[in-house]
Amino acid sequence: MYRPPHFREDDPVRLEQFVARHPLACVVAQVEGVLTANHLPLQLVHGDAGERVLRGHVARANELWRLLPAESAVLAVFTGADAYVTPAWYAAKSTTGEVVPTWNYAVVHAHGTVRFEHDPVRLRALVEGLTDQHESRRAAPWQVSDAPGRYVDRMLSGIVGIEIVVTRLEGKFKSSQNRSDDDRRRIEAELAAAGMPHESRAELVRKP
């Protein structure tokens, strides 16, 4: 990924927090010489040795786990907020006119190697981890154990776990860091006026 210095993000805490906020990843792999992409919610955890691991699952009917050898290289792309930025929002529009449109966005790329999980006990733990993470904000969180045991077993038989051991985590937050304070204030105000939530605006407008 092309990352100019002013848009580059390597802080591990910020990167991991971003993945937690935007867990739906586009997982890209090369299968039999052809690039393939699967969109999967993934949970970032730390292994016993401190390594980062992304955990999720695919449908058993998905041929990815059959065709992609274990330890193959994959790329998981996590995408955050994005917005078109018009030149009309820049102060220079009415003075020099030397302005052009751009697009602000925030992304994190996780490079790693893949393995697949079939053990029912580990697979259930994986699903419970994902569920607990996404239900945690609810007043009455749903748990896997709330469903009948036989039904859960049947559902688990229809999926295969996927784990990506992360070898490199890199971010690009293109958030007008290369613009003036006045331009950033204007952009933030316009995005707010358009109804963009504060959390998304914070990803798209940042100081250097």
N, C-alpha and C. Protein backbone atom coordinates (compact mmCIF):
# COMPACT_ATOMS: atom_id res chain seq x y z
N MET A 1 0.84 -1.18 0.00
CA MET A 1 0.00 0.00 0.00
C MET A 1 0.89 1.25 0.00
N TYR A 2 0.59 2.17 -0.89
CA TYR A 2 1.33 3.43 -0.95
C TYR A 2 0.93 4.28 0.25
N ARG A 3 1.95 4.70 1.05
CA ARG A 3 1.66 5.44 2.28
C ARG A 3 2.62 6.63 2.41
N PRO A 4 2.23 7.80 1.91
CA PRO A 4 3.06 8.98 2.14
C PRO A 4 3.23 9.20 3.64
N PRO A 5 4.35 9.77 4.06
CA PRO A 5 4.63 9.92 5.50
C PRO A 5 3.51 10.59 6.29
N HIS A 6 2.85 11.61 5.72
CA HIS A 6 1.83 12.33 6.48
C HIS A 6 0.53 11.54 6.63
N PHE A 7 0.35 10.46 5.87
CA PHE A 7 -0.85 9.63 6.00
C PHE A 7 -0.57 8.28 6.66
N ARG A 8 0.68 8.03 6.93
CA ARG A 8 1.10 6.72 7.45
C ARG A 8 0.71 6.57 8.93
N GLU A 9 0.20 5.39 9.29
CA GLU A 9 -0.13 5.09 10.69
C GLU A 9 0.45 3.74 11.07
N ASP A 10 1.34 3.74 12.07
CA ASP A 10 1.98 2.50 12.51
C ASP A 10 1.80 2.25 14.01
N ASP A 11 1.09 3.13 14.69
CA ASP A 11 0.89 2.94 16.12
C ASP A 11 0.07 1.68 16.36
N PRO A 12 0.64 0.67 17.04
CA PRO A 12 -0.07 -0.62 17.20
C PRO A 12 -1.40 -0.50 17.93
N VAL A 13 -1.47 0.39 18.91
CA VAL A 13 -2.73 0.54 19.66
C VAL A 13 -3.82 1.11 18.75
N ARG A 14 -3.50 2.15 18.00
CA ARG A 14 -4.48 2.74 17.09
C ARG A 14 -4.92 1.74 16.02
N LEU A 15 -3.97 0.98 15.51
CA LEU A 15 -4.31 0.00 14.46
C LEU A 15 -5.23 -1.08 15.00
N GLU A 16 -4.94 -1.58 16.19
CA GLU A 16 -5.78 -2.63 16.77
C GLU A 16 -7.16 -2.08 17.14
N GLN A 17 -7.23 -0.86 17.63
CA GLN A 17 -8.52 -0.25 17.93
C GLN A 17 -9.34 -0.07 16.66
N PHE A 18 -8.68 0.28 15.57
CA PHE A 18 -9.36 0.45 14.28
C PHE A 18 -9.98 -0.86 13.83
N VAL A 19 -9.22 -1.94 13.91
CA VAL A 19 -9.71 -3.26 13.52
C VAL A 19 -10.92 -3.65 14.37
N ALA A 20 -10.87 -3.34 15.66
CA ALA A 20 -12.00 -3.66 16.54
C ALA A 20 -13.25 -2.86 16.16
N ARG A 21 -13.06 -1.62 15.69
CA ARG A 21 -14.21 -0.78 15.30
C ARG A 21 -14.76 -1.18 13.94
N HIS A 22 -13.91 -1.74 13.09
CA HIS A 22 -14.32 -2.07 11.72
C HIS A 22 -13.97 -3.53 11.43
N PRO A 23 -14.65 -4.47 12.04
CA PRO A 23 -14.22 -5.88 11.98
C PRO A 23 -14.50 -6.60 10.66
N LEU A 24 -15.31 -6.02 9.78
CA LEU A 24 -15.59 -6.71 8.52
C LEU A 24 -14.42 -6.50 7.57
N ALA A 25 -13.70 -7.58 7.28
CA ALA A 25 -12.51 -7.50 6.45
C ALA A 25 -12.76 -8.09 5.07
N CYS A 26 -12.05 -7.55 4.10
CA CYS A 26 -11.97 -8.17 2.78
C CYS A 26 -10.68 -8.98 2.77
N VAL A 27 -10.81 -10.30 2.78
CA VAL A 27 -9.64 -11.19 2.84
C VAL A 27 -9.27 -11.60 1.42
N VAL A 28 -8.09 -11.20 1.00
CA VAL A 28 -7.63 -11.45 -0.36
C VAL A 28 -6.58 -12.54 -0.35
N ALA A 29 -6.74 -13.52 -1.24
CA ALA A 29 -5.80 -14.62 -1.34
C ALA A 29 -5.66 -15.02 -2.80
N GLN A 30 -4.56 -15.70 -3.10
CA GLN A 30 -4.36 -16.23 -4.45
C GLN A 30 -4.65 -17.72 -4.41
N VAL A 31 -5.70 -18.12 -5.11
CA VAL A 31 -6.12 -19.52 -5.12
C VAL A 31 -5.96 -20.08 -6.53
N GLU A 32 -5.06 -21.02 -6.66
CA GLU A 32 -4.79 -21.64 -7.95
C GLU A 32 -4.50 -20.60 -9.02
N GLY A 33 -3.70 -19.61 -8.66
CA GLY A 33 -3.27 -18.60 -9.61
C GLY A 33 -4.26 -17.47 -9.85
N VAL A 34 -5.39 -17.50 -9.14
CA VAL A 34 -6.42 -16.47 -9.33
C VAL A 34 -6.66 -15.75 -8.02
N LEU A 35 -6.72 -14.42 -8.05
CA LEU A 35 -7.02 -13.66 -6.85
C LEU A 35 -8.48 -13.83 -6.47
N THR A 36 -8.71 -14.04 -5.18
CA THR A 36 -10.08 -14.19 -4.69
C THR A 36 -10.25 -13.34 -3.45
N ALA A 37 -11.46 -12.85 -3.22
CA ALA A 37 -11.73 -12.00 -2.06
C ALA A 37 -12.97 -12.51 -1.34
N ASN A 38 -12.88 -12.60 -0.02
CA ASN A 38 -14.00 -12.99 0.82
C ASN A 38 -14.19 -11.94 1.91
N HIS A 39 -15.43 -11.59 2.17
CA HIS A 39 -15.74 -10.57 3.16
C HIS A 39 -16.17 -11.26 4.45
N LEU A 40 -15.31 -11.11 5.49
CA LEU A 40 -15.49 -11.88 6.72
C LEU A 40 -15.34 -10.98 7.94
N PRO A 41 -16.24 -11.08 8.92
CA PRO A 41 -15.97 -10.42 10.21
C PRO A 41 -14.89 -11.18 10.95
N LEU A 42 -13.88 -10.45 11.41
CA LEU A 42 -12.74 -11.07 12.07
C LEU A 42 -12.50 -10.42 13.43
N GLN A 43 -12.06 -11.23 14.37
CA GLN A 43 -11.71 -10.74 15.71
C GLN A 43 -10.20 -10.81 15.88
N LEU A 44 -9.62 -9.71 16.32
CA LEU A 44 -8.18 -9.67 16.56
C LEU A 44 -7.89 -10.04 18.00
N VAL A 45 -7.11 -11.10 18.17
CA VAL A 45 -6.72 -11.55 19.52
C VAL A 45 -5.21 -11.71 19.55
N HIS A 46 -4.67 -11.93 20.75
CA HIS A 46 -3.24 -12.17 20.90
C HIS A 46 -3.01 -13.61 21.33
N GLY A 47 -2.10 -14.29 20.64
CA GLY A 47 -1.79 -15.68 20.96
C GLY A 47 -0.92 -15.80 22.19
N ASP A 48 -0.61 -17.02 22.55
CA ASP A 48 0.19 -17.28 23.75
C ASP A 48 1.57 -16.64 23.68
N ALA A 49 2.11 -16.51 22.48
CA ALA A 49 3.43 -15.91 22.32
C ALA A 49 3.35 -14.41 22.02
N GLY A 50 2.15 -13.85 22.14
CA GLY A 50 1.97 -12.43 21.90
C GLY A 50 1.68 -12.07 20.46
N GLU A 51 1.65 -13.05 19.58
CA GLU A 51 1.40 -12.77 18.17
C GLU A 51 -0.06 -12.36 17.97
N ARG A 52 -0.29 -11.51 16.98
CA ARG A 52 -1.65 -11.12 16.63
C ARG A 52 -2.27 -12.20 15.75
N VAL A 53 -3.52 -12.55 16.05
CA VAL A 53 -4.24 -13.55 15.27
C VAL A 53 -5.63 -13.02 14.96
N LEU A 54 -6.03 -13.09 13.70
CA LEU A 54 -7.38 -12.73 13.28
C LEU A 54 -8.19 -14.00 13.16
N ARG A 55 -9.34 -14.04 13.82
CA ARG A 55 -10.16 -15.25 13.84
C ARG A 55 -11.55 -14.98 13.28
N GLY A 56 -12.02 -15.92 12.48
CA GLY A 56 -13.36 -15.84 11.92
C GLY A 56 -13.75 -17.20 11.37
N HIS A 57 -14.67 -17.22 10.43
CA HIS A 57 -15.06 -18.50 9.84
C HIS A 57 -15.64 -18.28 8.46
N VAL A 58 -15.61 -19.34 7.67
CA VAL A 58 -16.22 -19.34 6.34
C VAL A 58 -17.22 -20.49 6.28
N ALA A 59 -18.14 -20.39 5.34
CA ALA A 59 -19.08 -21.49 5.14
C ALA A 59 -18.32 -22.72 4.66
N ARG A 60 -18.72 -23.88 5.13
CA ARG A 60 -18.07 -25.11 4.68
C ARG A 60 -18.20 -25.28 3.17
N ALA A 61 -19.26 -24.70 2.60
CA ALA A 61 -19.46 -24.78 1.15
C ALA A 61 -18.50 -23.87 0.38
N ASN A 62 -17.85 -22.94 1.09
CA ASN A 62 -16.87 -22.05 0.47
C ASN A 62 -15.59 -22.85 0.21
N GLU A 63 -15.17 -22.91 -1.06
CA GLU A 63 -14.02 -23.75 -1.42
C GLU A 63 -12.68 -23.18 -0.97
N LEU A 64 -12.69 -22.00 -0.37
CA LEU A 64 -11.43 -21.39 0.04
C LEU A 64 -10.61 -22.33 0.91
N TRP A 65 -11.25 -22.94 1.91
CA TRP A 65 -10.49 -23.77 2.85
C TRP A 65 -10.00 -25.06 2.21
N ARG A 66 -10.64 -25.49 1.12
CA ARG A 66 -10.19 -26.70 0.43
C ARG A 66 -9.03 -26.40 -0.52
N LEU A 67 -9.09 -25.25 -1.17
CA LEU A 67 -8.15 -24.95 -2.24
C LEU A 67 -6.92 -24.16 -1.79
N LEU A 68 -7.04 -23.46 -0.65
CA LEU A 68 -5.93 -22.63 -0.20
C LEU A 68 -5.10 -23.40 0.82
N PRO A 69 -3.84 -23.73 0.49
CA PRO A 69 -3.01 -24.49 1.42
C PRO A 69 -2.76 -23.72 2.72
N ALA A 70 -2.63 -24.48 3.81
CA ALA A 70 -2.29 -23.86 5.09
C ALA A 70 -0.97 -23.12 4.97
N GLU A 71 -0.85 -22.02 5.69
CA GLU A 71 0.32 -21.15 5.72
C GLU A 71 0.47 -20.30 4.47
N SER A 72 -0.57 -20.27 3.62
CA SER A 72 -0.53 -19.38 2.47
C SER A 72 -0.62 -17.92 2.92
N ALA A 73 -0.02 -17.05 2.14
CA ALA A 73 -0.08 -15.62 2.44
C ALA A 73 -1.45 -15.06 2.07
N VAL A 74 -2.00 -14.24 2.94
CA VAL A 74 -3.28 -13.57 2.68
C VAL A 74 -3.16 -12.12 3.13
N LEU A 75 -4.11 -11.32 2.68
CA LEU A 75 -4.19 -9.92 3.06
C LEU A 75 -5.61 -9.63 3.50
N ALA A 76 -5.78 -9.12 4.73
CA ALA A 76 -7.08 -8.72 5.24
C ALA A 76 -7.14 -7.19 5.25
N VAL A 77 -8.12 -6.63 4.56
CA VAL A 77 -8.26 -5.18 4.44
C VAL A 77 -9.45 -4.72 5.26
N PHE A 78 -9.20 -3.85 6.23
CA PHE A 78 -10.25 -3.29 7.09
C PHE A 78 -10.47 -1.84 6.67
N THR A 79 -11.69 -1.51 6.33
CA THR A 79 -12.00 -0.18 5.80
C THR A 79 -12.86 0.60 6.79
N GLY A 80 -12.47 1.84 7.03
CA GLY A 80 -13.23 2.69 7.93
C GLY A 80 -14.03 3.73 7.18
N ALA A 81 -14.13 4.92 7.76
CA ALA A 81 -14.90 5.98 7.14
C ALA A 81 -14.22 6.49 5.88
N ASP A 82 -15.01 7.08 4.98
CA ASP A 82 -14.46 7.72 3.79
C ASP A 82 -15.40 8.84 3.35
N ALA A 83 -14.86 9.80 2.63
CA ALA A 83 -15.68 10.92 2.18
C ALA A 83 -14.97 11.68 1.06
N TYR A 84 -15.75 12.14 0.12
CA TYR A 84 -15.26 13.02 -0.93
C TYR A 84 -15.04 14.41 -0.33
N VAL A 85 -13.93 15.05 -0.69
CA VAL A 85 -13.63 16.39 -0.21
C VAL A 85 -13.57 17.33 -1.42
N THR A 86 -14.52 18.24 -1.49
CA THR A 86 -14.60 19.16 -2.62
C THR A 86 -13.65 20.33 -2.44
N PRO A 87 -13.09 20.86 -3.53
CA PRO A 87 -12.22 22.05 -3.43
C PRO A 87 -12.96 23.26 -2.87
N ALA A 88 -14.28 23.25 -2.94
CA ALA A 88 -15.07 24.37 -2.44
C ALA A 88 -14.90 24.58 -0.95
N TRP A 89 -14.40 23.55 -0.25
CA TRP A 89 -14.23 23.67 1.20
C TRP A 89 -12.89 24.30 1.59
N TYR A 90 -12.01 24.52 0.64
CA TYR A 90 -10.70 25.08 0.94
C TYR A 90 -10.72 26.60 0.80
N ALA A 91 -9.99 27.28 1.69
CA ALA A 91 -9.91 28.74 1.64
C ALA A 91 -9.32 29.22 0.33
N ALA A 92 -8.37 28.48 -0.22
CA ALA A 92 -7.69 28.89 -1.45
C ALA A 92 -8.61 28.88 -2.66
N LYS A 93 -9.78 28.26 -2.53
CA LYS A 93 -10.72 28.23 -3.66
C LYS A 93 -11.08 29.66 -4.11
N SER A 94 -11.22 30.58 -3.14
CA SER A 94 -11.62 31.95 -3.47
C SER A 94 -10.44 32.92 -3.60
N THR A 95 -9.23 32.40 -3.43
CA THR A 95 -8.06 33.28 -3.56
C THR A 95 -7.23 32.87 -4.76
N THR A 96 -6.41 31.84 -4.61
CA THR A 96 -5.55 31.42 -5.73
C THR A 96 -6.26 30.49 -6.70
N GLY A 97 -7.27 29.78 -6.22
CA GLY A 97 -7.95 28.79 -7.05
C GLY A 97 -7.15 27.53 -7.26
N GLU A 98 -5.99 27.43 -6.60
CA GLU A 98 -5.11 26.28 -6.79
C GLU A 98 -5.50 25.15 -5.83
N VAL A 99 -6.61 24.54 -6.11
CA VAL A 99 -7.13 23.45 -5.28
C VAL A 99 -7.72 22.38 -6.19
N VAL A 100 -7.71 21.16 -5.72
CA VAL A 100 -8.29 20.05 -6.48
C VAL A 100 -9.08 19.15 -5.51
N PRO A 101 -9.99 18.34 -6.05
CA PRO A 101 -10.75 17.42 -5.19
C PRO A 101 -9.85 16.31 -4.65
N THR A 102 -10.31 15.67 -3.59
CA THR A 102 -9.61 14.50 -3.06
C THR A 102 -10.62 13.61 -2.36
N TRP A 103 -10.13 12.51 -1.86
CA TRP A 103 -10.99 11.57 -1.13
C TRP A 103 -10.26 11.17 0.15
N ASN A 104 -10.88 11.44 1.28
CA ASN A 104 -10.30 11.04 2.55
C ASN A 104 -10.82 9.65 2.94
N TYR A 105 -9.96 8.85 3.54
CA TYR A 105 -10.36 7.50 3.93
C TYR A 105 -9.40 6.96 4.98
N ALA A 106 -9.84 5.90 5.63
CA ALA A 106 -9.01 5.24 6.65
C ALA A 106 -9.06 3.74 6.40
N VAL A 107 -7.88 3.12 6.31
CA VAL A 107 -7.81 1.67 6.08
C VAL A 107 -6.66 1.08 6.88
N VAL A 108 -6.80 -0.19 7.21
CA VAL A 108 -5.72 -0.95 7.83
C VAL A 108 -5.56 -2.24 7.05
N HIS A 109 -4.32 -2.57 6.72
CA HIS A 109 -4.00 -3.82 6.02
C HIS A 109 -3.30 -4.76 6.99
N ALA A 110 -3.80 -5.98 7.08
CA ALA A 110 -3.16 -7.01 7.90
C ALA A 110 -2.63 -8.09 6.97
N HIS A 111 -1.31 -8.21 6.91
CA HIS A 111 -0.67 -9.26 6.13
C HIS A 111 -0.40 -10.44 7.06
N GLY A 112 -0.58 -11.64 6.55
CA GLY A 112 -0.32 -12.79 7.41
C GLY A 112 -0.42 -14.11 6.67
N THR A 113 -0.40 -15.18 7.43
CA THR A 113 -0.53 -16.53 6.89
C THR A 113 -1.78 -17.18 7.46
N VAL A 114 -2.42 -18.00 6.67
CA VAL A 114 -3.73 -18.53 7.03
C VAL A 114 -3.66 -19.99 7.46
N ARG A 115 -4.57 -20.36 8.33
CA ARG A 115 -4.78 -21.77 8.67
C ARG A 115 -6.27 -21.94 8.94
N PHE A 116 -6.73 -23.17 8.87
CA PHE A 116 -8.16 -23.44 9.02
C PHE A 116 -8.39 -24.36 10.20
N GLU A 117 -9.52 -24.17 10.86
CA GLU A 117 -9.84 -24.88 12.10
C GLU A 117 -11.08 -25.75 11.91
N HIS A 118 -10.95 -27.05 12.26
CA HIS A 118 -12.07 -27.98 12.13
C HIS A 118 -12.50 -28.58 13.46
N ASP A 119 -11.65 -28.50 14.47
CA ASP A 119 -11.97 -29.08 15.76
C ASP A 119 -13.22 -28.41 16.34
N PRO A 120 -14.27 -29.18 16.66
CA PRO A 120 -15.54 -28.57 17.09
C PRO A 120 -15.43 -27.77 18.38
N VAL A 121 -14.56 -28.19 19.28
CA VAL A 121 -14.42 -27.45 20.54
C VAL A 121 -13.78 -26.09 20.28
N ARG A 122 -12.70 -26.08 19.52
CA ARG A 122 -12.02 -24.82 19.21
C ARG A 122 -12.89 -23.94 18.31
N LEU A 123 -13.65 -24.57 17.43
CA LEU A 123 -14.51 -23.82 16.53
C LEU A 123 -15.62 -23.12 17.32
N ARG A 124 -16.18 -23.82 18.30
CA ARG A 124 -17.21 -23.20 19.13
C ARG A 124 -16.62 -22.02 19.91
N ALA A 125 -15.43 -22.19 20.46
CA ALA A 125 -14.80 -21.11 21.21
C ALA A 125 -14.56 -19.90 20.31
N LEU A 126 -14.19 -20.15 19.07
CA LEU A 126 -13.97 -19.08 18.10
C LEU A 126 -15.27 -18.31 17.86
N VAL A 127 -16.35 -19.04 17.63
CA VAL A 127 -17.65 -18.42 17.37
C VAL A 127 -18.14 -17.67 18.61
N GLU A 128 -17.93 -18.23 19.78
CA GLU A 128 -18.34 -17.56 21.01
C GLU A 128 -17.57 -16.26 21.19
N GLY A 129 -16.29 -16.27 20.86
CA GLY A 129 -15.50 -15.04 20.97
C GLY A 129 -16.02 -13.94 20.07
N LEU A 130 -16.31 -14.28 18.82
CA LEU A 130 -16.86 -13.32 17.88
C LEU A 130 -18.20 -12.78 18.36
N THR A 131 -19.06 -13.71 18.80
CA THR A 131 -20.39 -13.33 19.25
C THR A 131 -20.33 -12.41 20.46
N ASP A 132 -19.52 -12.78 21.45
CA ASP A 132 -19.42 -11.98 22.67
C ASP A 132 -18.93 -10.57 22.36
N GLN A 133 -18.00 -10.45 21.41
CA GLN A 133 -17.48 -9.13 21.06
C GLN A 133 -18.58 -8.24 20.50
N HIS A 134 -19.38 -8.79 19.58
CA HIS A 134 -20.37 -7.95 18.91
C HIS A 134 -21.67 -7.79 19.69
N GLU A 135 -21.90 -8.66 20.66
CA GLU A 135 -23.09 -8.53 21.51
C GLU A 135 -22.82 -7.68 22.75
N SER A 136 -21.55 -7.34 22.99
CA SER A 136 -21.18 -6.70 24.25
C SER A 136 -21.83 -5.34 24.46
N ARG A 137 -22.22 -4.67 23.39
CA ARG A 137 -22.83 -3.34 23.52
C ARG A 137 -24.33 -3.41 23.78
N ARG A 138 -24.90 -4.57 23.67
CA ARG A 138 -26.35 -4.71 23.87
C ARG A 138 -26.68 -4.80 25.35
N ALA A 139 -27.86 -4.29 25.70
CA ALA A 139 -28.29 -4.33 27.10
C ALA A 139 -28.46 -5.76 27.58
N ALA A 140 -28.94 -6.62 26.70
CA ALA A 140 -29.12 -8.04 27.04
C ALA A 140 -28.41 -8.87 25.98
N PRO A 141 -27.11 -9.05 26.11
CA PRO A 141 -26.33 -9.74 25.07
C PRO A 141 -26.80 -11.18 24.84
N TRP A 142 -26.90 -11.53 23.55
CA TRP A 142 -27.21 -12.91 23.19
C TRP A 142 -25.93 -13.71 23.27
N GLN A 143 -26.06 -14.97 23.72
CA GLN A 143 -24.91 -15.87 23.80
C GLN A 143 -25.19 -17.12 22.99
N VAL A 144 -24.13 -17.75 22.53
CA VAL A 144 -24.27 -18.99 21.76
C VAL A 144 -25.04 -20.03 22.56
N SER A 145 -24.81 -20.05 23.87
CA SER A 145 -25.49 -21.03 24.73
C SER A 145 -26.98 -20.78 24.85
N ASP A 146 -27.47 -19.63 24.37
CA ASP A 146 -28.91 -19.36 24.41
C ASP A 146 -29.67 -20.22 23.40
N ALA A 147 -28.98 -20.69 22.37
CA ALA A 147 -29.61 -21.52 21.35
C ALA A 147 -29.54 -22.99 21.77
N PRO A 148 -30.49 -23.82 21.30
CA PRO A 148 -30.46 -25.25 21.65
C PRO A 148 -29.14 -25.91 21.23
N GLY A 149 -28.64 -26.79 22.06
CA GLY A 149 -27.35 -27.42 21.81
C GLY A 149 -27.26 -28.12 20.47
N ARG A 150 -28.29 -28.89 20.12
CA ARG A 150 -28.25 -29.62 18.85
C ARG A 150 -28.25 -28.67 17.66
N TYR A 151 -28.98 -27.57 17.80
CA TYR A 151 -29.01 -26.57 16.73
C TYR A 151 -27.64 -25.95 16.55
N VAL A 152 -26.98 -25.60 17.66
CA VAL A 152 -25.64 -25.02 17.59
C VAL A 152 -24.67 -25.99 16.93
N ASP A 153 -24.75 -27.26 17.33
CA ASP A 153 -23.86 -28.27 16.74
C ASP A 153 -24.08 -28.36 15.22
N ARG A 154 -25.34 -28.28 14.81
CA ARG A 154 -25.64 -28.35 13.39
C ARG A 154 -25.09 -27.14 12.64
N MET A 155 -25.23 -25.97 13.24
CA MET A 155 -24.71 -24.75 12.62
C MET A 155 -23.17 -24.80 12.54
N LEU A 156 -22.54 -25.29 13.59
CA LEU A 156 -21.08 -25.37 13.59
C LEU A 156 -20.57 -26.35 12.54
N SER A 157 -21.35 -27.37 12.25
CA SER A 157 -20.93 -28.34 11.23
C SER A 157 -20.94 -27.74 9.83
N GLY A 158 -21.56 -26.59 9.68
CA GLY A 158 -21.65 -25.95 8.38
C GLY A 158 -20.61 -24.87 8.14
N ILE A 159 -19.66 -24.72 9.08
CA ILE A 159 -18.63 -23.71 8.92
C ILE A 159 -17.24 -24.28 9.18
N VAL A 160 -16.24 -23.55 8.74
CA VAL A 160 -14.84 -23.89 8.99
C VAL A 160 -14.17 -22.64 9.57
N GLY A 161 -13.45 -22.81 10.66
CA GLY A 161 -12.76 -21.67 11.26
C GLY A 161 -11.59 -21.22 10.41
N ILE A 162 -11.30 -19.93 10.47
CA ILE A 162 -10.15 -19.38 9.76
C ILE A 162 -9.35 -18.54 10.74
N GLU A 163 -8.05 -18.75 10.75
CA GLU A 163 -7.16 -17.97 11.59
C GLU A 163 -6.03 -17.41 10.73
N ILE A 164 -5.78 -16.13 10.87
CA ILE A 164 -4.71 -15.47 10.14
C ILE A 164 -3.69 -14.98 11.15
N VAL A 165 -2.50 -15.55 11.12
CA VAL A 165 -1.42 -15.10 11.99
C VAL A 165 -0.80 -13.87 11.32
N VAL A 166 -0.96 -12.73 11.97
CA VAL A 166 -0.56 -11.46 11.36
C VAL A 166 0.96 -11.29 11.43
N THR A 167 1.54 -11.03 10.27
CA THR A 167 2.98 -10.76 10.20
C THR A 167 3.28 -9.27 10.06
N ARG A 168 2.31 -8.51 9.56
CA ARG A 168 2.50 -7.07 9.43
C ARG A 168 1.15 -6.37 9.45
N LEU A 169 1.07 -5.31 10.24
CA LEU A 169 -0.16 -4.52 10.35
C LEU A 169 0.21 -3.08 10.01
N GLU A 170 -0.45 -2.52 9.00
CA GLU A 170 -0.11 -1.16 8.58
C GLU A 170 -1.38 -0.38 8.26
N GLY A 171 -1.34 0.90 8.60
CA GLY A 171 -2.51 1.74 8.38
C GLY A 171 -2.22 2.93 7.50
N LYS A 172 -3.26 3.39 6.84
CA LYS A 172 -3.21 4.64 6.08
C LYS A 172 -4.46 5.43 6.43
N PHE A 173 -4.27 6.55 7.12
CA PHE A 173 -5.38 7.42 7.50
C PHE A 173 -5.20 8.72 6.73
N LYS A 174 -5.85 8.81 5.60
CA LYS A 174 -5.77 10.00 4.75
C LYS A 174 -6.81 10.99 5.27
N SER A 175 -6.37 11.86 6.16
CA SER A 175 -7.29 12.66 6.96
C SER A 175 -6.96 14.15 6.92
N SER A 176 -6.54 14.63 5.76
CA SER A 176 -6.24 16.06 5.57
C SER A 176 -5.11 16.56 6.47
N GLN A 177 -4.20 15.65 6.87
CA GLN A 177 -3.05 16.08 7.68
C GLN A 177 -2.16 17.07 6.92
N ASN A 178 -2.24 17.05 5.59
CA ASN A 178 -1.39 17.92 4.76
C ASN A 178 -2.06 19.27 4.46
N ARG A 179 -3.23 19.53 5.08
CA ARG A 179 -3.92 20.79 4.87
C ARG A 179 -3.74 21.71 6.08
N SER A 180 -4.10 22.94 5.94
CA SER A 180 -3.98 23.90 7.03
C SER A 180 -5.03 23.65 8.11
N ASP A 181 -4.80 24.24 9.30
CA ASP A 181 -5.79 24.11 10.37
C ASP A 181 -7.14 24.64 9.93
N ASP A 182 -7.14 25.75 9.19
CA ASP A 182 -8.39 26.34 8.73
C ASP A 182 -9.12 25.40 7.78
N ASP A 183 -8.38 24.79 6.86
CA ASP A 183 -9.00 23.85 5.93
C ASP A 183 -9.59 22.66 6.68
N ARG A 184 -8.87 22.16 7.67
CA ARG A 184 -9.38 21.02 8.43
C ARG A 184 -10.65 21.38 9.18
N ARG A 185 -10.69 22.58 9.73
CA ARG A 185 -11.91 23.02 10.43
C ARG A 185 -13.09 23.10 9.46
N ARG A 186 -12.84 23.61 8.26
CA ARG A 186 -13.89 23.70 7.26
C ARG A 186 -14.39 22.31 6.86
N ILE A 187 -13.46 21.40 6.62
CA ILE A 187 -13.85 20.05 6.22
C ILE A 187 -14.66 19.38 7.32
N GLU A 188 -14.19 19.49 8.56
CA GLU A 188 -14.90 18.87 9.67
C GLU A 188 -16.30 19.44 9.81
N ALA A 189 -16.44 20.76 9.65
CA ALA A 189 -17.74 21.41 9.76
C ALA A 189 -18.69 20.96 8.66
N GLU A 190 -18.17 20.82 7.44
CA GLU A 190 -19.02 20.38 6.32
C GLU A 190 -19.46 18.93 6.50
N LEU A 191 -18.57 18.07 6.97
CA LEU A 191 -18.93 16.68 7.21
C LEU A 191 -19.97 16.59 8.33
N ALA A 192 -19.82 17.41 9.36
CA ALA A 192 -20.80 17.43 10.45
C ALA A 192 -22.16 17.89 9.93
N ALA A 193 -22.15 18.92 9.09
CA ALA A 193 -23.40 19.44 8.54
C ALA A 193 -24.09 18.41 7.66
N ALA A 194 -23.29 17.53 7.05
CA ALA A 194 -23.86 16.47 6.21
C ALA A 194 -24.39 15.29 7.03
N GLY A 195 -24.21 15.36 8.36
CA GLY A 195 -24.73 14.32 9.23
C GLY A 195 -23.78 13.19 9.56
N MET A 196 -22.50 13.36 9.22
CA MET A 196 -21.55 12.29 9.53
C MET A 196 -21.30 12.23 11.03
N PRO A 197 -21.35 11.03 11.64
CA PRO A 197 -21.11 10.90 13.08
C PRO A 197 -19.72 11.36 13.48
N HIS A 198 -19.60 11.77 14.73
CA HIS A 198 -18.32 12.28 15.24
C HIS A 198 -17.21 11.25 15.09
N GLU A 199 -17.49 9.98 15.39
CA GLU A 199 -16.44 8.95 15.32
C GLU A 199 -15.88 8.84 13.91
N SER A 200 -16.74 8.95 12.91
CA SER A 200 -16.28 8.88 11.52
C SER A 200 -15.50 10.14 11.15
N ARG A 201 -15.97 11.31 11.59
CA ARG A 201 -15.26 12.55 11.30
C ARG A 201 -13.87 12.53 11.90
N ALA A 202 -13.75 11.93 13.08
CA ALA A 202 -12.44 11.86 13.74
C ALA A 202 -11.45 11.03 12.93
N GLU A 203 -11.95 10.07 12.15
CA GLU A 203 -11.06 9.27 11.31
C GLU A 203 -10.64 10.04 10.06
N LEU A 204 -11.46 11.00 9.65
CA LEU A 204 -11.25 11.66 8.36
C LEU A 204 -10.61 13.03 8.45
N VAL A 205 -10.55 13.61 9.64
CA VAL A 205 -9.94 14.92 9.82
C VAL A 205 -9.05 14.87 11.04
N ARG A 206 -7.73 14.89 10.82
CA ARG A 206 -6.78 14.78 11.94
C ARG A 206 -5.63 15.74 11.73
N LYS A 207 -5.06 16.19 12.84
CA LYS A 207 -3.87 17.02 12.75
C LYS A 207 -2.66 16.13 12.45
N PRO A 208 -1.59 16.71 11.89
CA PRO A 208 -0.38 15.92 11.59
C PRO A 208 0.19 15.31 12.85
